[in-house]
């Protein structure tokens, strides 16, 4: 009797878990539409943290440092070189501690300026 009840409960829970999984999978694209892409997230972060010295937006002038569009157009600028740069402390820059995903977003934004 116990085994029969257990198996019936297990079967019911398995169906419930499958239905929940399908529902969450169906809702995932909706959540992704509301999240900003890495380029937009990087632009927001750069505007927040870097605009005090750098020109973050194209066709603007930085106060103390090269603009991001200038940096992007340097032939040696790559995603890898920017990631290394952002993870290294520099004498003339504030020592921001970026999370890896934040650094990736800022790099994506700068690299997007290379195409403009």
N, C-alpha and C. Protein backbone atom coordinates (compact mmCIF):
# COMPACT_ATOMS: atom_id res chain seq x y z
N UNK A 1 0.82 -1.20 0.00
CA UNK A 1 0.00 0.00 0.00
C UNK A 1 0.87 1.27 0.00
N UNK A 2 1.89 1.25 0.86
CA UNK A 2 2.78 2.41 0.94
C UNK A 2 3.46 2.67 -0.40
N UNK A 3 3.95 1.61 -1.03
CA UNK A 3 4.65 1.74 -2.30
C UNK A 3 3.72 2.31 -3.38
N UNK A 4 2.48 1.88 -3.39
CA UNK A 4 1.52 2.35 -4.37
C UNK A 4 1.26 3.86 -4.18
N UNK A 5 1.10 4.29 -2.95
CA UNK A 5 0.89 5.70 -2.64
C UNK A 5 2.12 6.52 -3.01
N UNK A 6 3.30 5.98 -2.65
CA UNK A 6 4.55 6.66 -2.96
C UNK A 6 4.72 6.86 -4.47
N UNK A 7 4.47 5.82 -5.25
CA UNK A 7 4.62 5.91 -6.70
C UNK A 7 3.61 6.88 -7.31
N UNK A 8 2.40 6.90 -6.80
CA UNK A 8 1.39 7.83 -7.30
C UNK A 8 1.80 9.28 -7.00
N UNK A 9 2.31 9.51 -5.80
CA UNK A 9 2.78 10.84 -5.41
C UNK A 9 3.97 11.26 -6.26
N UNK A 10 4.90 10.34 -6.45
CA UNK A 10 6.10 10.62 -7.26
C UNK A 10 5.71 11.00 -8.70
N UNK A 11 4.76 10.27 -9.25
CA UNK A 11 4.32 10.53 -10.62
C UNK A 11 3.67 11.91 -10.71
N UNK A 12 2.88 12.25 -9.73
CA UNK A 12 2.22 13.56 -9.69
C UNK A 12 3.26 14.68 -9.56
N UNK A 13 4.24 14.52 -8.68
CA UNK A 13 5.28 15.52 -8.49
C UNK A 13 6.15 15.66 -9.75
N UNK A 14 6.41 14.57 -10.42
CA UNK A 14 7.19 14.62 -11.65
C UNK A 14 6.47 15.43 -12.72
N UNK A 15 5.18 15.24 -12.84
CA UNK A 15 4.40 16.00 -13.81
C UNK A 15 4.36 17.48 -13.45
N UNK A 16 4.23 17.76 -12.17
CA UNK A 16 4.21 19.13 -11.69
C UNK A 16 5.56 19.82 -11.98
N UNK A 17 6.65 19.12 -11.71
CA UNK A 17 7.99 19.67 -11.97
C UNK A 17 8.19 19.92 -13.46
N UNK A 18 7.74 19.02 -14.29
CA UNK A 18 7.86 19.19 -15.74
C UNK A 18 7.05 20.40 -16.20
N UNK A 19 5.85 20.55 -15.69
CA UNK A 19 5.00 21.69 -16.06
C UNK A 19 5.64 23.00 -15.60
N UNK A 20 6.20 23.02 -14.40
CA UNK A 20 6.86 24.21 -13.89
C UNK A 20 8.09 24.55 -14.75
N UNK A 21 8.85 23.55 -15.11
CA UNK A 21 10.02 23.76 -15.96
C UNK A 21 9.66 24.34 -17.31
N UNK A 22 8.61 23.82 -17.92
CA UNK A 22 8.15 24.33 -19.21
C UNK A 22 7.65 25.77 -19.09
N UNK A 23 6.96 26.05 -18.01
CA UNK A 23 6.47 27.41 -17.79
C UNK A 23 7.62 28.39 -17.65
N UNK A 24 8.63 28.04 -16.85
CA UNK A 24 9.79 28.91 -16.66
C UNK A 24 10.58 29.09 -17.96
N UNK A 25 10.70 28.03 -18.72
CA UNK A 25 11.40 28.11 -19.99
C UNK A 25 10.66 29.04 -20.95
N UNK A 26 9.35 29.01 -20.92
CA UNK A 26 8.56 29.87 -21.80
C UNK A 26 8.65 31.33 -21.39
N UNK A 27 8.82 31.60 -20.11
CA UNK A 27 8.89 32.98 -19.62
C UNK A 27 10.28 33.59 -19.76
N UNK A 28 11.31 32.78 -19.93
CA UNK A 28 12.68 33.28 -19.99
C UNK A 28 12.90 34.31 -21.10
N UNK A 29 12.41 34.12 -22.32
CA UNK A 29 12.60 35.16 -23.34
C UNK A 29 12.00 36.50 -22.95
N UNK A 30 10.89 36.50 -22.21
CA UNK A 30 10.30 37.76 -21.77
C UNK A 30 11.22 38.49 -20.82
N UNK A 31 11.86 37.78 -19.91
CA UNK A 31 12.79 38.40 -18.98
C UNK A 31 14.01 38.93 -19.71
N UNK A 32 14.47 38.21 -20.70
CA UNK A 32 15.65 38.64 -21.46
C UNK A 32 15.36 39.91 -22.25
N UNK A 33 14.13 40.11 -22.68
CA UNK A 33 13.79 41.31 -23.43
C UNK A 33 13.88 42.55 -22.57
N UNK A 34 13.63 42.43 -21.28
CA UNK A 34 13.67 43.58 -20.39
C UNK A 34 15.07 43.91 -19.91
N UNK A 35 15.99 42.97 -19.97
CA UNK A 35 17.35 43.21 -19.50
C UNK A 35 18.13 43.94 -20.60
N UNK A 36 18.92 44.95 -20.19
CA UNK A 36 19.71 45.63 -21.21
C UNK A 36 20.80 44.72 -21.73
N UNK A 37 21.18 44.88 -22.98
CA UNK A 37 22.28 44.10 -23.53
C UNK A 37 23.59 44.59 -22.94
N UNK A 38 24.67 43.86 -23.20
CA UNK A 38 25.95 44.24 -22.61
C UNK A 38 26.44 45.61 -23.08
N UNK A 39 26.15 45.99 -24.32
CA UNK A 39 26.60 47.29 -24.81
C UNK A 39 25.89 48.41 -24.05
N UNK A 40 24.58 48.31 -23.92
CA UNK A 40 23.83 49.35 -23.19
C UNK A 40 24.20 49.35 -21.71
N UNK A 41 24.35 48.18 -21.12
CA UNK A 41 24.75 48.10 -19.71
C UNK A 41 26.14 48.72 -19.53
N UNK A 42 27.04 48.47 -20.47
CA UNK A 42 28.38 49.04 -20.41
C UNK A 42 28.36 50.55 -20.55
N UNK A 43 27.50 51.06 -21.42
CA UNK A 43 27.36 52.52 -21.58
C UNK A 43 26.87 53.15 -20.28
N UNK A 44 25.91 52.50 -19.65
CA UNK A 44 25.39 53.03 -18.38
C UNK A 44 26.47 53.02 -17.29
N UNK A 45 27.20 51.91 -17.18
CA UNK A 45 28.26 51.83 -16.18
C UNK A 45 29.35 52.87 -16.45
N UNK A 46 29.75 53.00 -17.71
CA UNK A 46 30.79 53.97 -18.07
C UNK A 46 30.32 55.39 -17.79
N UNK A 47 29.07 55.69 -18.08
CA UNK A 47 28.54 57.03 -17.79
C UNK A 47 28.57 57.31 -16.29
N UNK A 48 28.30 56.28 -15.53
CA UNK A 48 28.25 56.41 -14.08
C UNK A 48 29.65 56.55 -13.47
N UNK A 49 30.59 55.75 -13.91
CA UNK A 49 31.89 55.68 -13.25
C UNK A 49 33.02 56.40 -13.98
N UNK A 50 32.95 56.50 -15.29
CA UNK A 50 34.11 56.95 -16.08
C UNK A 50 33.96 58.36 -16.62
N UNK A 51 32.74 58.89 -16.66
CA UNK A 51 32.50 60.16 -17.34
C UNK A 51 33.10 61.35 -16.62
N UNK A 52 33.57 61.20 -15.42
CA UNK A 52 34.23 62.29 -14.73
C UNK A 52 35.54 62.67 -15.39
N UNK A 53 36.17 61.72 -16.08
CA UNK A 53 37.45 61.97 -16.76
C UNK A 53 37.40 61.71 -18.26
N UNK A 54 36.68 60.68 -18.67
CA UNK A 54 36.64 60.25 -20.07
C UNK A 54 35.38 60.78 -20.76
N UNK A 55 35.49 60.99 -22.06
CA UNK A 55 34.31 61.23 -22.88
C UNK A 55 33.74 59.85 -23.18
N UNK A 56 32.64 59.53 -22.58
CA UNK A 56 32.04 58.21 -22.72
C UNK A 56 31.25 58.12 -24.03
N UNK A 57 30.54 59.17 -24.36
CA UNK A 57 29.72 59.20 -25.57
C UNK A 57 30.57 59.68 -26.75
N UNK A 58 30.32 59.18 -27.94
CA UNK A 58 31.05 59.66 -29.12
C UNK A 58 30.83 61.17 -29.34
N UNK A 59 31.79 61.81 -29.95
CA UNK A 59 31.72 63.23 -30.29
C UNK A 59 31.63 64.15 -29.08
N UNK A 60 32.18 63.72 -27.96
CA UNK A 60 32.30 64.58 -26.78
C UNK A 60 33.77 64.58 -26.37
N UNK A 61 34.12 65.47 -25.46
CA UNK A 61 35.51 65.63 -25.06
C UNK A 61 35.65 65.23 -23.60
N UNK A 62 36.68 64.43 -23.31
CA UNK A 62 36.96 64.04 -21.93
C UNK A 62 37.70 65.15 -21.20
N UNK A 63 37.50 65.25 -19.91
CA UNK A 63 38.15 66.29 -19.13
C UNK A 63 39.64 66.03 -18.93
N UNK A 64 39.99 64.79 -18.58
CA UNK A 64 41.38 64.49 -18.23
C UNK A 64 41.97 63.35 -19.03
N UNK A 65 41.14 62.59 -19.70
CA UNK A 65 41.63 61.35 -20.33
C UNK A 65 41.00 61.17 -21.71
N UNK A 66 41.57 60.25 -22.46
CA UNK A 66 41.08 59.97 -23.82
C UNK A 66 39.62 59.53 -23.79
N UNK A 67 38.92 59.91 -24.85
CA UNK A 67 37.53 59.49 -24.99
C UNK A 67 37.44 58.03 -25.37
N UNK A 68 36.34 57.41 -25.05
CA UNK A 68 36.17 55.99 -25.35
C UNK A 68 36.17 55.73 -26.85
N UNK A 69 35.64 56.66 -27.65
CA UNK A 69 35.65 56.47 -29.10
C UNK A 69 37.09 56.50 -29.62
N UNK A 70 37.92 57.39 -29.05
CA UNK A 70 39.34 57.43 -29.43
C UNK A 70 40.03 56.12 -29.09
N UNK A 71 39.76 55.64 -27.88
CA UNK A 71 40.37 54.38 -27.42
C UNK A 71 39.95 53.24 -28.32
N UNK A 72 38.69 53.23 -28.70
CA UNK A 72 38.16 52.14 -29.52
C UNK A 72 38.82 52.11 -30.90
N UNK A 73 39.16 53.28 -31.41
CA UNK A 73 39.70 53.35 -32.77
C UNK A 73 41.20 53.11 -32.86
N UNK A 74 41.87 52.98 -31.73
CA UNK A 74 43.30 52.63 -31.76
C UNK A 74 43.41 51.20 -32.30
N UNK A 75 44.25 50.97 -33.32
CA UNK A 75 44.30 49.63 -33.94
C UNK A 75 44.62 48.49 -32.96
N UNK A 76 45.37 48.76 -31.92
CA UNK A 76 45.72 47.69 -30.99
C UNK A 76 44.65 47.42 -29.93
N UNK A 77 43.57 48.19 -29.96
CA UNK A 77 42.49 47.97 -28.98
C UNK A 77 41.69 46.74 -29.36
N UNK A 78 41.71 45.77 -28.45
CA UNK A 78 40.92 44.55 -28.61
C UNK A 78 40.13 44.33 -27.33
N UNK A 79 39.18 43.43 -27.38
CA UNK A 79 38.43 43.11 -26.16
C UNK A 79 39.37 42.59 -25.08
N UNK A 80 40.32 41.76 -25.48
CA UNK A 80 41.27 41.22 -24.51
C UNK A 80 42.13 42.32 -23.90
N UNK A 81 42.66 43.23 -24.72
CA UNK A 81 43.51 44.28 -24.18
C UNK A 81 42.73 45.18 -23.22
N UNK A 82 41.47 45.45 -23.52
CA UNK A 82 40.65 46.26 -22.62
C UNK A 82 40.36 45.53 -21.31
N UNK A 83 40.08 44.24 -21.39
CA UNK A 83 39.81 43.47 -20.16
C UNK A 83 41.04 43.46 -19.26
N UNK A 84 42.19 43.25 -19.85
CA UNK A 84 43.43 43.26 -19.06
C UNK A 84 43.63 44.64 -18.45
N UNK A 85 43.44 45.68 -19.23
CA UNK A 85 43.60 47.05 -18.75
C UNK A 85 42.67 47.33 -17.57
N UNK A 86 41.41 46.94 -17.70
CA UNK A 86 40.43 47.22 -16.64
C UNK A 86 40.68 46.43 -15.37
N UNK A 87 41.40 45.34 -15.47
CA UNK A 87 41.68 44.52 -14.28
C UNK A 87 43.04 44.83 -13.66
N UNK A 88 43.72 45.84 -14.19
CA UNK A 88 45.03 46.22 -13.70
C UNK A 88 44.93 47.61 -13.08
N UNK A 89 45.56 47.82 -11.93
CA UNK A 89 45.52 49.15 -11.32
C UNK A 89 46.47 50.08 -12.08
N UNK A 90 46.13 51.36 -12.10
CA UNK A 90 46.91 52.36 -12.82
C UNK A 90 47.14 53.57 -11.92
N UNK A 91 48.29 54.16 -12.05
CA UNK A 91 48.68 55.28 -11.20
C UNK A 91 47.74 56.47 -11.39
N UNK A 92 47.32 56.75 -12.60
CA UNK A 92 46.54 57.96 -12.88
C UNK A 92 45.04 57.72 -12.98
N UNK A 93 44.59 56.57 -12.55
CA UNK A 93 43.16 56.26 -12.61
C UNK A 93 42.67 55.83 -11.24
N UNK A 94 41.41 56.13 -10.93
CA UNK A 94 40.84 55.59 -9.69
C UNK A 94 40.87 54.06 -9.75
N UNK A 95 41.04 53.44 -8.63
CA UNK A 95 41.12 51.99 -8.59
C UNK A 95 39.73 51.39 -8.38
N UNK A 96 38.92 51.47 -9.45
CA UNK A 96 37.59 50.87 -9.40
C UNK A 96 37.74 49.36 -9.36
N UNK A 97 36.92 48.73 -8.57
CA UNK A 97 36.90 47.27 -8.52
C UNK A 97 35.65 46.82 -9.26
N UNK A 98 35.87 46.37 -10.48
CA UNK A 98 34.75 45.95 -11.32
C UNK A 98 34.54 44.45 -11.19
N UNK A 99 33.30 44.05 -11.18
CA UNK A 99 32.97 42.64 -11.26
C UNK A 99 33.26 42.20 -12.71
N UNK A 100 33.59 40.93 -12.92
CA UNK A 100 33.90 40.49 -14.29
C UNK A 100 32.81 40.83 -15.31
N UNK A 101 31.55 40.69 -14.94
CA UNK A 101 30.47 40.99 -15.89
C UNK A 101 30.38 42.49 -16.16
N UNK A 102 30.71 43.32 -15.17
CA UNK A 102 30.71 44.77 -15.39
C UNK A 102 31.83 45.17 -16.35
N UNK A 103 33.01 44.60 -16.13
CA UNK A 103 34.14 44.86 -17.03
C UNK A 103 33.79 44.40 -18.45
N UNK A 104 33.18 43.24 -18.57
CA UNK A 104 32.78 42.73 -19.89
C UNK A 104 31.80 43.68 -20.58
N UNK A 105 30.87 44.24 -19.80
CA UNK A 105 29.89 45.16 -20.37
C UNK A 105 30.55 46.45 -20.84
N UNK A 106 31.48 46.99 -20.06
CA UNK A 106 32.19 48.21 -20.45
C UNK A 106 33.02 47.94 -21.70
N UNK A 107 33.67 46.78 -21.74
CA UNK A 107 34.45 46.40 -22.92
C UNK A 107 33.54 46.29 -24.14
N UNK A 108 32.36 45.68 -23.98
CA UNK A 108 31.43 45.56 -25.10
C UNK A 108 31.01 46.94 -25.61
N UNK A 109 30.81 47.88 -24.69
CA UNK A 109 30.44 49.23 -25.10
C UNK A 109 31.58 49.90 -25.87
N UNK A 110 32.79 49.84 -25.33
CA UNK A 110 33.93 50.46 -26.02
C UNK A 110 34.14 49.83 -27.39
N UNK A 111 34.07 48.52 -27.46
CA UNK A 111 34.26 47.84 -28.75
C UNK A 111 33.16 48.21 -29.74
N UNK A 112 31.96 48.51 -29.25
CA UNK A 112 30.87 48.92 -30.15
C UNK A 112 31.17 50.27 -30.80
N UNK A 113 31.99 51.09 -30.16
CA UNK A 113 32.35 52.39 -30.71
C UNK A 113 33.34 52.27 -31.85
N UNK A 114 34.02 51.15 -31.93
CA UNK A 114 34.98 50.91 -33.01
C UNK A 114 34.27 50.91 -34.36
N UNK A 115 33.03 50.49 -34.36
CA UNK A 115 32.26 50.38 -35.60
C UNK A 115 31.62 51.70 -36.02
N UNK A 116 31.63 52.70 -35.16
CA UNK A 116 30.93 53.96 -35.47
C UNK A 116 31.85 54.96 -36.11
